[in-house]
Amino acid sequence: SAIMHLVKKAILDSGLKGKIGGLLLKSSLK
């Protein structure tokens, strides 16, 4: 649970590039 929370927080706190990267990794994270 903590790892999933930290990954989500890292994506949201890393600006536009991080959010784009998060979208690209969405299926893998799911």
mmCIF file of all heavy atoms, coordinates in Angstrom:
data_MODEL
# 
_entry.id   MODEL 
# 
loop_
_atom_site.group_PDB 
_atom_site.id 
_atom_site.type_symbol 
_atom_site.label_atom_id 
_atom_site.label_alt_id 
_atom_site.label_comp_id 
_atom_site.label_asym_id 
_atom_site.label_entity_id 
_atom_site.label_seq_id 
_atom_site.pdbx_PDB_ins_code 
_atom_site.Cartn_x 
_atom_site.Cartn_y 
_atom_site.Cartn_z 
_atom_site.occupancy 
_atom_site.B_iso_or_equiv 
_atom_site.pdbx_formal_charge 
_atom_site.auth_seq_id 
_atom_site.auth_comp_id 
_atom_site.auth_asym_id 
_atom_site.auth_atom_id 
_atom_site.pdbx_PDB_model_num 
ATOM 1   N N   . SER A 1 1  ? 0.825  -1.205 0.000   1.00 0.00 ? 1  SER A N   1 
ATOM 2   C CA  . SER A 1 1  ? 0.000  0.000  0.000   1.00 0.00 ? 1  SER A CA  1 
ATOM 3   C C   . SER A 1 1  ? 0.865  1.264  0.000   1.00 0.00 ? 1  SER A C   1 
ATOM 4   O O   . SER A 1 1  ? 0.588  2.227  -0.726  1.00 0.00 ? 1  SER A O   1 
ATOM 5   C CB  . SER A 1 1  ? -0.920 -0.008 1.218   1.00 0.00 ? 1  SER A CB  1 
ATOM 6   O OG  . SER A 1 1  ? -1.684 1.173  1.287   1.00 0.00 ? 1  SER A OG  1 
ATOM 7   N N   . ALA A 1 2  ? 1.942  1.243  0.807   1.00 0.00 ? 2  ALA A N   1 
ATOM 8   C CA  . ALA A 1 2  ? 2.827  2.403  0.896   1.00 0.00 ? 2  ALA A CA  1 
ATOM 9   C C   . ALA A 1 2  ? 3.547  2.667  -0.423  1.00 0.00 ? 2  ALA A C   1 
ATOM 10  O O   . ALA A 1 2  ? 3.698  3.822  -0.852  1.00 0.00 ? 2  ALA A O   1 
ATOM 11  C CB  . ALA A 1 2  ? 3.844  2.189  2.018   1.00 0.00 ? 2  ALA A CB  1 
ATOM 12  N N   . ILE A 1 3  ? 3.994  1.592  -1.094  1.00 0.00 ? 3  ILE A N   1 
ATOM 13  C CA  . ILE A 1 3  ? 4.694  1.750  -2.376  1.00 0.00 ? 3  ILE A CA  1 
ATOM 14  C C   . ILE A 1 3  ? 3.775  2.383  -3.419  1.00 0.00 ? 3  ILE A C   1 
ATOM 15  O O   . ILE A 1 3  ? 4.174  3.308  -4.141  1.00 0.00 ? 3  ILE A O   1 
ATOM 16  C CB  . ILE A 1 3  ? 5.221  0.387  -2.871  1.00 0.00 ? 3  ILE A CB  1 
ATOM 17  C CG1 . ILE A 1 3  ? 6.405  -0.058 -2.004  1.00 0.00 ? 3  ILE A CG1 1 
ATOM 18  C CG2 . ILE A 1 3  ? 5.655  0.468  -4.339  1.00 0.00 ? 3  ILE A CG2 1 
ATOM 19  C CD1 . ILE A 1 3  ? 6.893  -1.458 -2.296  1.00 0.00 ? 3  ILE A CD1 1 
ATOM 20  N N   . MET A 1 4  ? 2.537  1.901  -3.506  1.00 0.00 ? 4  MET A N   1 
ATOM 21  C CA  . MET A 1 4  ? 1.596  2.461  -4.470  1.00 0.00 ? 4  MET A CA  1 
ATOM 22  C C   . MET A 1 4  ? 1.320  3.934  -4.170  1.00 0.00 ? 4  MET A C   1 
ATOM 23  O O   . MET A 1 4  ? 1.219  4.766  -5.078  1.00 0.00 ? 4  MET A O   1 
ATOM 24  C CB  . MET A 1 4  ? 0.298  1.664  -4.474  1.00 0.00 ? 4  MET A CB  1 
ATOM 25  C CG  . MET A 1 4  ? 0.435  0.218  -4.943  1.00 0.00 ? 4  MET A CG  1 
ATOM 26  S SD  . MET A 1 4  ? 1.256  0.051  -6.558  1.00 0.00 ? 4  MET A SD  1 
ATOM 27  C CE  . MET A 1 4  ? 0.159  0.995  -7.614  1.00 0.00 ? 4  MET A CE  1 
ATOM 28  N N   . HIS A 1 5  ? 1.235  4.272  -2.881  1.00 0.00 ? 5  HIS A N   1 
ATOM 29  C CA  . HIS A 1 5  ? 1.019  5.666  -2.489  1.00 0.00 ? 5  HIS A CA  1 
ATOM 30  C C   . HIS A 1 5  ? 2.216  6.539  -2.873  1.00 0.00 ? 5  HIS A C   1 
ATOM 31  O O   . HIS A 1 5  ? 2.044  7.653  -3.395  1.00 0.00 ? 5  HIS A O   1 
ATOM 32  C CB  . HIS A 1 5  ? 0.777  5.738  -0.974  1.00 0.00 ? 5  HIS A CB  1 
ATOM 33  C CG  . HIS A 1 5  ? 0.678  7.135  -0.443  1.00 0.00 ? 5  HIS A CG  1 
ATOM 34  N ND1 . HIS A 1 5  ? -0.446 7.923  -0.608  1.00 0.00 ? 5  HIS A ND1 1 
ATOM 35  C CD2 . HIS A 1 5  ? 1.582  7.902  0.239   1.00 0.00 ? 5  HIS A CD2 1 
ATOM 36  C CE1 . HIS A 1 5  ? -0.238 9.110  -0.052  1.00 0.00 ? 5  HIS A CE1 1 
ATOM 37  N NE2 . HIS A 1 5  ? 0.980  9.109  0.472   1.00 0.00 ? 5  HIS A NE2 1 
ATOM 38  N N   . LEU A 1 6  ? 3.420  6.039  -2.633  1.00 0.00 ? 6  LEU A N   1 
ATOM 39  C CA  . LEU A 1 6  ? 4.628  6.803  -2.947  1.00 0.00 ? 6  LEU A CA  1 
ATOM 40  C C   . LEU A 1 6  ? 4.797  7.006  -4.454  1.00 0.00 ? 6  LEU A C   1 
ATOM 41  O O   . LEU A 1 6  ? 5.206  8.091  -4.900  1.00 0.00 ? 6  LEU A O   1 
ATOM 42  C CB  . LEU A 1 6  ? 5.856  6.084  -2.377  1.00 0.00 ? 6  LEU A CB  1 
ATOM 43  C CG  . LEU A 1 6  ? 6.002  6.110  -0.852  1.00 0.00 ? 6  LEU A CG  1 
ATOM 44  C CD1 . LEU A 1 6  ? 7.152  5.217  -0.416  1.00 0.00 ? 6  LEU A CD1 1 
ATOM 45  C CD2 . LEU A 1 6  ? 6.219  7.545  -0.360  1.00 0.00 ? 6  LEU A CD2 1 
ATOM 46  N N   . VAL A 1 7  ? 4.482  5.967  -5.246  1.00 0.00 ? 7  VAL A N   1 
ATOM 47  C CA  . VAL A 1 7  ? 4.577  6.088  -6.710  1.00 0.00 ? 7  VAL A CA  1 
ATOM 48  C C   . VAL A 1 7  ? 3.604  7.145  -7.208  1.00 0.00 ? 7  VAL A C   1 
ATOM 49  O O   . VAL A 1 7  ? 3.954  8.005  -8.024  1.00 0.00 ? 7  VAL A O   1 
ATOM 50  C CB  . VAL A 1 7  ? 4.291  4.724  -7.378  1.00 0.00 ? 7  VAL A CB  1 
ATOM 51  C CG1 . VAL A 1 7  ? 4.127  4.903  -8.894  1.00 0.00 ? 7  VAL A CG1 1 
ATOM 52  C CG2 . VAL A 1 7  ? 5.418  3.747  -7.093  1.00 0.00 ? 7  VAL A CG2 1 
ATOM 53  N N   . LYS A 1 8  ? 2.372  7.097  -6.716  1.00 0.00 ? 8  LYS A N   1 
ATOM 54  C CA  . LYS A 1 8  ? 1.360  8.069  -7.122  1.00 0.00 ? 8  LYS A CA  1 
ATOM 55  C C   . LYS A 1 8  ? 1.770  9.486  -6.729  1.00 0.00 ? 8  LYS A C   1 
ATOM 56  O O   . LYS A 1 8  ? 1.649  10.440 -7.525  1.00 0.00 ? 8  LYS A O   1 
ATOM 57  C CB  . LYS A 1 8  ? 0.023  7.719  -6.479  1.00 0.00 ? 8  LYS A CB  1 
ATOM 58  C CG  . LYS A 1 8  ? -1.124 8.632  -6.899  1.00 0.00 ? 8  LYS A CG  1 
ATOM 59  C CD  . LYS A 1 8  ? -2.431 8.177  -6.265  1.00 0.00 ? 8  LYS A CD  1 
ATOM 60  C CE  . LYS A 1 8  ? -3.586 9.085  -6.686  1.00 0.00 ? 8  LYS A CE  1 
ATOM 61  N NZ  . LYS A 1 8  ? -4.883 8.653  -6.074  1.00 0.00 ? 8  LYS A NZ  1 
ATOM 62  N N   . LYS A 1 9  ? 2.289  9.643  -5.502  1.00 0.00 ? 9  LYS A N   1 
ATOM 63  C CA  . LYS A 1 9  ? 2.712  10.957 -5.011  1.00 0.00 ? 9  LYS A CA  1 
ATOM 64  C C   . LYS A 1 9  ? 3.878  11.485 -5.832  1.00 0.00 ? 9  LYS A C   1 
ATOM 65  O O   . LYS A 1 9  ? 3.935  12.679 -6.179  1.00 0.00 ? 9  LYS A O   1 
ATOM 66  C CB  . LYS A 1 9  ? 3.110  10.860 -3.542  1.00 0.00 ? 9  LYS A CB  1 
ATOM 67  C CG  . LYS A 1 9  ? 3.388  12.206 -2.884  1.00 0.00 ? 9  LYS A CG  1 
ATOM 68  C CD  . LYS A 1 9  ? 3.651  12.039 -1.398  1.00 0.00 ? 9  LYS A CD  1 
ATOM 69  C CE  . LYS A 1 9  ? 3.773  13.389 -0.700  1.00 0.00 ? 9  LYS A CE  1 
ATOM 70  N NZ  . LYS A 1 9  ? 4.831  14.246 -1.259  1.00 0.00 ? 9  LYS A NZ  1 
ATOM 71  N N   . ALA A 1 10 ? 4.845  10.601 -6.186  1.00 0.00 ? 10 ALA A N   1 
ATOM 72  C CA  . ALA A 1 10 ? 6.006  11.013 -6.975  1.00 0.00 ? 10 ALA A CA  1 
ATOM 73  C C   . ALA A 1 10 ? 5.582  11.522 -8.346  1.00 0.00 ? 10 ALA A C   1 
ATOM 74  O O   . ALA A 1 10 ? 6.127  12.521 -8.851  1.00 0.00 ? 10 ALA A O   1 
ATOM 75  C CB  . ALA A 1 10 ? 6.971  9.839  -7.121  1.00 0.00 ? 10 ALA A CB  1 
ATOM 76  N N   . ILE A 1 11 ? 4.602  10.882 -8.950  1.00 0.00 ? 11 ILE A N   1 
ATOM 77  C CA  . ILE A 1 11 ? 4.118  11.302 -10.270 1.00 0.00 ? 11 ILE A CA  1 
ATOM 78  C C   . ILE A 1 11 ? 3.416  12.651 -10.183 1.00 0.00 ? 11 ILE A C   1 
ATOM 79  O O   . ILE A 1 11 ? 3.668  13.564 -10.978 1.00 0.00 ? 11 ILE A O   1 
ATOM 80  C CB  . ILE A 1 11 ? 3.164  10.237 -10.859 1.00 0.00 ? 11 ILE A CB  1 
ATOM 81  C CG1 . ILE A 1 11 ? 3.953  8.972  -11.214 1.00 0.00 ? 11 ILE A CG1 1 
ATOM 82  C CG2 . ILE A 1 11 ? 2.437  10.767 -12.094 1.00 0.00 ? 11 ILE A CG2 1 
ATOM 83  C CD1 . ILE A 1 11 ? 3.091  7.803  -11.594 1.00 0.00 ? 11 ILE A CD1 1 
ATOM 84  N N   . LEU A 1 12 ? 2.538  12.810 -9.189  1.00 0.00 ? 12 LEU A N   1 
ATOM 85  C CA  . LEU A 1 12 ? 1.764  14.039 -9.050  1.00 0.00 ? 12 LEU A CA  1 
ATOM 86  C C   . LEU A 1 12 ? 2.622  15.232 -8.649  1.00 0.00 ? 12 LEU A C   1 
ATOM 87  O O   . LEU A 1 12 ? 2.308  16.377 -8.981  1.00 0.00 ? 12 LEU A O   1 
ATOM 88  C CB  . LEU A 1 12 ? 0.644  13.835 -8.025  1.00 0.00 ? 12 LEU A CB  1 
ATOM 89  C CG  . LEU A 1 12 ? -0.445 12.831 -8.422  1.00 0.00 ? 12 LEU A CG  1 
ATOM 90  C CD1 . LEU A 1 12 ? -1.435 12.649 -7.272  1.00 0.00 ? 12 LEU A CD1 1 
ATOM 91  C CD2 . LEU A 1 12 ? -1.181 13.289 -9.683  1.00 0.00 ? 12 LEU A CD2 1 
ATOM 92  N N   . ASP A 1 13 ? 3.732  14.953 -7.917  1.00 0.00 ? 13 ASP A N   1 
ATOM 93  C CA  . ASP A 1 13 ? 4.584  16.051 -7.420  1.00 0.00 ? 13 ASP A CA  1 
ATOM 94  C C   . ASP A 1 13 ? 5.728  16.409 -8.371  1.00 0.00 ? 13 ASP A C   1 
ATOM 95  O O   . ASP A 1 13 ? 6.521  17.299 -8.061  1.00 0.00 ? 13 ASP A O   1 
ATOM 96  C CB  . ASP A 1 13 ? 5.186  15.664 -6.060  1.00 0.00 ? 13 ASP A CB  1 
ATOM 97  C CG  . ASP A 1 13 ? 4.133  15.594 -4.968  1.00 0.00 ? 13 ASP A CG  1 
ATOM 98  O OD1 . ASP A 1 13 ? 2.991  16.026 -5.225  1.00 0.00 ? 13 ASP A OD1 1 
ATOM 99  O OD2 . ASP A 1 13 ? 4.444  15.100 -3.869  1.00 0.00 ? 13 ASP A OD2 1 
ATOM 100 N N   . SER A 1 14 ? 5.827  15.743 -9.519  1.00 0.00 ? 14 SER A N   1 
ATOM 101 C CA  . SER A 1 14 ? 6.990  15.957 -10.377 1.00 0.00 ? 14 SER A CA  1 
ATOM 102 C C   . SER A 1 14 ? 6.717  16.822 -11.601 1.00 0.00 ? 14 SER A C   1 
ATOM 103 O O   . SER A 1 14 ? 7.464  16.783 -12.573 1.00 0.00 ? 14 SER A O   1 
ATOM 104 C CB  . SER A 1 14 ? 7.546  14.597 -10.829 1.00 0.00 ? 14 SER A CB  1 
ATOM 105 O OG  . SER A 1 14 ? 6.546  13.861 -11.512 1.00 0.00 ? 14 SER A OG  1 
ATOM 106 N N   . GLY A 1 15 ? 5.641  17.560 -11.556 1.00 0.00 ? 15 GLY A N   1 
ATOM 107 C CA  . GLY A 1 15 ? 5.371  18.496 -12.631 1.00 0.00 ? 15 GLY A CA  1 
ATOM 108 C C   . GLY A 1 15 ? 4.805  17.842 -13.885 1.00 0.00 ? 15 GLY A C   1 
ATOM 109 O O   . GLY A 1 15 ? 4.409  16.678 -13.895 1.00 0.00 ? 15 GLY A O   1 
ATOM 110 N N   . LEU A 1 16 ? 4.798  18.621 -14.960 1.00 0.00 ? 16 LEU A N   1 
ATOM 111 C CA  . LEU A 1 16 ? 4.187  18.189 -16.212 1.00 0.00 ? 16 LEU A CA  1 
ATOM 112 C C   . LEU A 1 16 ? 4.868  16.944 -16.789 1.00 0.00 ? 16 LEU A C   1 
ATOM 113 O O   . LEU A 1 16 ? 4.194  15.998 -17.216 1.00 0.00 ? 16 LEU A O   1 
ATOM 114 C CB  . LEU A 1 16 ? 4.239  19.327 -17.243 1.00 0.00 ? 16 LEU A CB  1 
ATOM 115 C CG  . LEU A 1 16 ? 3.624  19.018 -18.619 1.00 0.00 ? 16 LEU A CG  1 
ATOM 116 C CD1 . LEU A 1 16 ? 2.149  18.650 -18.479 1.00 0.00 ? 16 LEU A CD1 1 
ATOM 117 C CD2 . LEU A 1 16 ? 3.804  20.202 -19.561 1.00 0.00 ? 16 LEU A CD2 1 
ATOM 118 N N   . LYS A 1 17 ? 6.209  16.913 -16.779 1.00 0.00 ? 17 LYS A N   1 
ATOM 119 C CA  . LYS A 1 17 ? 6.931  15.761 -17.330 1.00 0.00 ? 17 LYS A CA  1 
ATOM 120 C C   . LYS A 1 17 ? 6.603  14.480 -16.558 1.00 0.00 ? 17 LYS A C   1 
ATOM 121 O O   . LYS A 1 17 ? 6.450  13.409 -17.144 1.00 0.00 ? 17 LYS A O   1 
ATOM 122 C CB  . LYS A 1 17 ? 8.438  16.008 -17.302 1.00 0.00 ? 17 LYS A CB  1 
ATOM 123 C CG  . LYS A 1 17 ? 8.916  17.051 -18.315 1.00 0.00 ? 17 LYS A CG  1 
ATOM 124 C CD  . LYS A 1 17 ? 10.421 17.171 -18.271 1.00 0.00 ? 17 LYS A CD  1 
ATOM 125 C CE  . LYS A 1 17 ? 10.907 18.185 -19.314 1.00 0.00 ? 17 LYS A CE  1 
ATOM 126 N NZ  . LYS A 1 17 ? 12.379 18.330 -19.288 1.00 0.00 ? 17 LYS A NZ  1 
ATOM 127 N N   . GLY A 1 18 ? 6.514  14.625 -15.247 1.00 0.00 ? 18 GLY A N   1 
ATOM 128 C CA  . GLY A 1 18 ? 6.191  13.463 -14.426 1.00 0.00 ? 18 GLY A CA  1 
ATOM 129 C C   . GLY A 1 18 ? 4.794  12.947 -14.712 1.00 0.00 ? 18 GLY A C   1 
ATOM 130 O O   . GLY A 1 18 ? 4.568  11.733 -14.773 1.00 0.00 ? 18 GLY A O   1 
ATOM 131 N N   . LYS A 1 19 ? 3.852  13.874 -14.900 1.00 0.00 ? 19 LYS A N   1 
ATOM 132 C CA  . LYS A 1 19 ? 2.472  13.475 -15.190 1.00 0.00 ? 19 LYS A CA  1 
ATOM 133 C C   . LYS A 1 19 ? 2.377  12.790 -16.548 1.00 0.00 ? 19 LYS A C   1 
ATOM 134 O O   . LYS A 1 19 ? 1.641  11.806 -16.715 1.00 0.00 ? 19 LYS A O   1 
ATOM 135 C CB  . LYS A 1 19 ? 1.556  14.687 -15.121 1.00 0.00 ? 19 LYS A CB  1 
ATOM 136 C CG  . LYS A 1 19 ? 1.364  15.240 -13.714 1.00 0.00 ? 19 LYS A CG  1 
ATOM 137 C CD  . LYS A 1 19 ? 0.403  16.402 -13.725 1.00 0.00 ? 19 LYS A CD  1 
ATOM 138 C CE  . LYS A 1 19 ? 0.121  16.888 -12.301 1.00 0.00 ? 19 LYS A CE  1 
ATOM 139 N NZ  . LYS A 1 19 ? 1.286  17.479 -11.648 1.00 0.00 ? 19 LYS A NZ  1 
ATOM 140 N N   . ILE A 1 20 ? 3.129  13.292 -17.529 1.00 0.00 ? 20 ILE A N   1 
ATOM 141 C CA  . ILE A 1 20 ? 3.149  12.666 -18.860 1.00 0.00 ? 20 ILE A CA  1 
ATOM 142 C C   . ILE A 1 20 ? 3.741  11.256 -18.747 1.00 0.00 ? 20 ILE A C   1 
ATOM 143 O O   . ILE A 1 20 ? 3.231  10.290 -19.321 1.00 0.00 ? 20 ILE A O   1 
ATOM 144 C CB  . ILE A 1 20 ? 3.955  13.520 -19.858 1.00 0.00 ? 20 ILE A CB  1 
ATOM 145 C CG1 . ILE A 1 20 ? 3.215  14.834 -20.122 1.00 0.00 ? 20 ILE A CG1 1 
ATOM 146 C CG2 . ILE A 1 20 ? 4.168  12.756 -21.169 1.00 0.00 ? 20 ILE A CG2 1 
ATOM 147 C CD1 . ILE A 1 20 ? 4.004  15.832 -20.948 1.00 0.00 ? 20 ILE A CD1 1 
ATOM 148 N N   . GLY A 1 21 ? 4.834  11.162 -17.985 1.00 0.00 ? 21 GLY A N   1 
ATOM 149 C CA  . GLY A 1 21 ? 5.450  9.848  -17.765 1.00 0.00 ? 21 GLY A CA  1 
ATOM 150 C C   . GLY A 1 21 ? 4.499  8.890  -17.067 1.00 0.00 ? 21 GLY A C   1 
ATOM 151 O O   . GLY A 1 21 ? 4.427  7.700  -17.396 1.00 0.00 ? 21 GLY A O   1 
ATOM 152 N N   . GLY A 1 22 ? 3.729  9.441  -16.113 1.00 0.00 ? 22 GLY A N   1 
ATOM 153 C CA  . GLY A 1 22 ? 2.753  8.631  -15.410 1.00 0.00 ? 22 GLY A CA  1 
ATOM 154 C C   . GLY A 1 22 ? 1.681  8.086  -16.341 1.00 0.00 ? 22 GLY A C   1 
ATOM 155 O O   . GLY A 1 22 ? 1.262  6.943  -16.227 1.00 0.00 ? 22 GLY A O   1 
ATOM 156 N N   . LEU A 1 23 ? 1.246  8.935  -17.286 1.00 0.00 ? 23 LEU A N   1 
ATOM 157 C CA  . LEU A 1 23 ? 0.248  8.500  -18.265 1.00 0.00 ? 23 LEU A CA  1 
ATOM 158 C C   . LEU A 1 23 ? 0.799  7.384  -19.149 1.00 0.00 ? 23 LEU A C   1 
ATOM 159 O O   . LEU A 1 23 ? 0.103  6.425  -19.483 1.00 0.00 ? 23 LEU A O   1 
ATOM 160 C CB  . LEU A 1 23 ? -0.195 9.681  -19.132 1.00 0.00 ? 23 LEU A CB  1 
ATOM 161 C CG  . LEU A 1 23 ? -1.126 10.696 -18.452 1.00 0.00 ? 23 LEU A CG  1 
ATOM 162 C CD1 . LEU A 1 23 ? -1.336 11.907 -19.346 1.00 0.00 ? 23 LEU A CD1 1 
ATOM 163 C CD2 . LEU A 1 23 ? -2.470 10.045 -18.116 1.00 0.00 ? 23 LEU A CD2 1 
ATOM 164 N N   . LEU A 1 24 ? 2.080  7.521  -19.536 1.00 0.00 ? 24 LEU A N   1 
ATOM 165 C CA  . LEU A 1 24 ? 2.710  6.499  -20.371 1.00 0.00 ? 24 LEU A CA  1 
ATOM 166 C C   . LEU A 1 24 ? 2.856  5.170  -19.624 1.00 0.00 ? 24 LEU A C   1 
ATOM 167 O O   . LEU A 1 24 ? 2.826  4.095  -20.227 1.00 0.00 ? 24 LEU A O   1 
ATOM 168 C CB  . LEU A 1 24 ? 4.077  6.984  -20.864 1.00 0.00 ? 24 LEU A CB  1 
ATOM 169 C CG  . LEU A 1 24 ? 4.071  8.182  -21.822 1.00 0.00 ? 24 LEU A CG  1 
ATOM 170 C CD1 . LEU A 1 24 ? 5.488  8.662  -22.098 1.00 0.00 ? 24 LEU A CD1 1 
ATOM 171 C CD2 . LEU A 1 24 ? 3.373  7.821  -23.139 1.00 0.00 ? 24 LEU A CD2 1 
ATOM 172 N N   . LEU A 1 25 ? 3.026  5.278  -18.309 1.00 0.00 ? 25 LEU A N   1 
ATOM 173 C CA  . LEU A 1 25 ? 3.213  4.073  -17.483 1.00 0.00 ? 25 LEU A CA  1 
ATOM 174 C C   . LEU A 1 25 ? 1.911  3.574  -16.862 1.00 0.00 ? 25 LEU A C   1 
ATOM 175 O O   . LEU A 1 25 ? 1.934  2.619  -16.085 1.00 0.00 ? 25 LEU A O   1 
ATOM 176 C CB  . LEU A 1 25 ? 4.207  4.371  -16.358 1.00 0.00 ? 25 LEU A CB  1 
ATOM 177 C CG  . LEU A 1 25 ? 5.674  4.559  -16.760 1.00 0.00 ? 25 LEU A CG  1 
ATOM 178 C CD1 . LEU A 1 25 ? 6.477  5.071  -15.574 1.00 0.00 ? 25 LEU A CD1 1 
ATOM 179 C CD2 . LEU A 1 25 ? 6.250  3.238  -17.255 1.00 0.00 ? 25 LEU A CD2 1 
ATOM 180 N N   . LYS A 1 26 ? 0.797  4.194  -17.219 1.00 0.00 ? 26 LYS A N   1 
ATOM 181 C CA  . LYS A 1 26 ? -0.470 3.904  -16.549 1.00 0.00 ? 26 LYS A CA  1 
ATOM 182 C C   . LYS A 1 26 ? -0.825 2.412  -16.591 1.00 0.00 ? 26 LYS A C   1 
ATOM 183 O O   . LYS A 1 26 ? -1.192 1.819  -15.571 1.00 0.00 ? 26 LYS A O   1 
ATOM 184 C CB  . LYS A 1 26 ? -1.595 4.717  -17.196 1.00 0.00 ? 26 LYS A CB  1 
ATOM 185 C CG  . LYS A 1 26 ? -2.917 4.586  -16.463 1.00 0.00 ? 26 LYS A CG  1 
ATOM 186 C CD  . LYS A 1 26 ? -3.975 5.499  -17.072 1.00 0.00 ? 26 LYS A CD  1 
ATOM 187 C CE  . LYS A 1 26 ? -5.303 5.375  -16.313 1.00 0.00 ? 26 LYS A CE  1 
ATOM 188 N NZ  . LYS A 1 26 ? -6.330 6.267  -16.899 1.00 0.00 ? 26 LYS A NZ  1 
ATOM 189 N N   . SER A 1 27 ? -0.710 1.789  -17.764 1.00 0.00 ? 27 SER A N   1 
ATOM 190 C CA  . SER A 1 27 ? -1.075 0.372  -17.874 1.00 0.00 ? 27 SER A CA  1 
ATOM 191 C C   . SER A 1 27 ? -0.135 -0.508 -17.059 1.00 0.00 ? 27 SER A C   1 
ATOM 192 O O   . SER A 1 27 ? -0.557 -1.485 -16.433 1.00 0.00 ? 27 SER A O   1 
ATOM 193 C CB  . SER A 1 27 ? -1.083 -0.070 -19.341 1.00 0.00 ? 27 SER A CB  1 
ATOM 194 O OG  . SER A 1 27 ? 0.210  0.083  -19.915 1.00 0.00 ? 27 SER A OG  1 
ATOM 195 N N   . SER A 1 28 ? 1.168  -0.153 -17.042 1.00 0.00 ? 28 SER A N   1 
ATOM 196 C CA  . SER A 1 28 ? 2.134  -0.937 -16.264 1.00 0.00 ? 28 SER A CA  1 
ATOM 197 C C   . SER A 1 28 ? 1.875  -0.805 -14.771 1.00 0.00 ? 28 SER A C   1 
ATOM 198 O O   . SER A 1 28 ? 1.950  -1.795 -14.024 1.00 0.00 ? 28 SER A O   1 
ATOM 199 C CB  . SER A 1 28 ? 3.560  -0.468 -16.577 1.00 0.00 ? 28 SER A CB  1 
ATOM 200 O OG  . SER A 1 28 ? 3.877  -0.699 -17.936 1.00 0.00 ? 28 SER A OG  1 
ATOM 201 N N   . LEU A 1 29 ? 1.556  0.417  -14.334 1.00 0.00 ? 29 LEU A N   1 
ATOM 202 C CA  . LEU A 1 29 ? 1.276  0.640  -12.915 1.00 0.00 ? 29 LEU A CA  1 
ATOM 203 C C   . LEU A 1 29 ? -0.017 -0.065 -12.499 1.00 0.00 ? 29 LEU A C   1 
ATOM 204 O O   . LEU A 1 29 ? -0.127 -0.573 -11.380 1.00 0.00 ? 29 LEU A O   1 
ATOM 205 C CB  . LEU A 1 29 ? 1.175  2.140  -12.632 1.00 0.00 ? 29 LEU A CB  1 
ATOM 206 C CG  . LEU A 1 29 ? 2.487  2.924  -12.781 1.00 0.00 ? 29 LEU A CG  1 
ATOM 207 C CD1 . LEU A 1 29 ? 2.238  4.417  -12.623 1.00 0.00 ? 29 LEU A CD1 1 
ATOM 208 C CD2 . LEU A 1 29 ? 3.502  2.451  -11.761 1.00 0.00 ? 29 LEU A CD2 1 
ATOM 209 N N   . LYS A 1 30 ? -0.991 -0.100 -13.415 1.00 0.00 ? 30 LYS A N   1 
ATOM 210 C CA  . LYS A 1 30 ? -2.234 -0.806 -13.134 1.00 0.00 ? 30 LYS A CA  1 
ATOM 211 C C   . LYS A 1 30 ? -1.963 -2.299 -12.955 1.00 0.00 ? 30 LYS A C   1 
ATOM 212 O O   . LYS A 1 30 ? -2.519 -2.951 -12.066 1.00 0.00 ? 30 LYS A O   1 
ATOM 213 C CB  . LYS A 1 30 ? -3.237 -0.588 -14.263 1.00 0.00 ? 30 LYS A CB  1 
ATOM 214 C CG  . LYS A 1 30 ? -4.600 -1.218 -13.999 1.00 0.00 ? 30 LYS A CG  1 
ATOM 215 C CD  . LYS A 1 30 ? -5.566 -0.962 -15.148 1.00 0.00 ? 30 LYS A CD  1 
ATOM 216 C CE  . LYS A 1 30 ? -6.918 -1.613 -14.869 1.00 0.00 ? 30 LYS A CE  1 
ATOM 217 N NZ  . LYS A 1 30 ? -7.861 -1.397 -16.000 1.00 0.00 ? 30 LYS A NZ  1 
# 
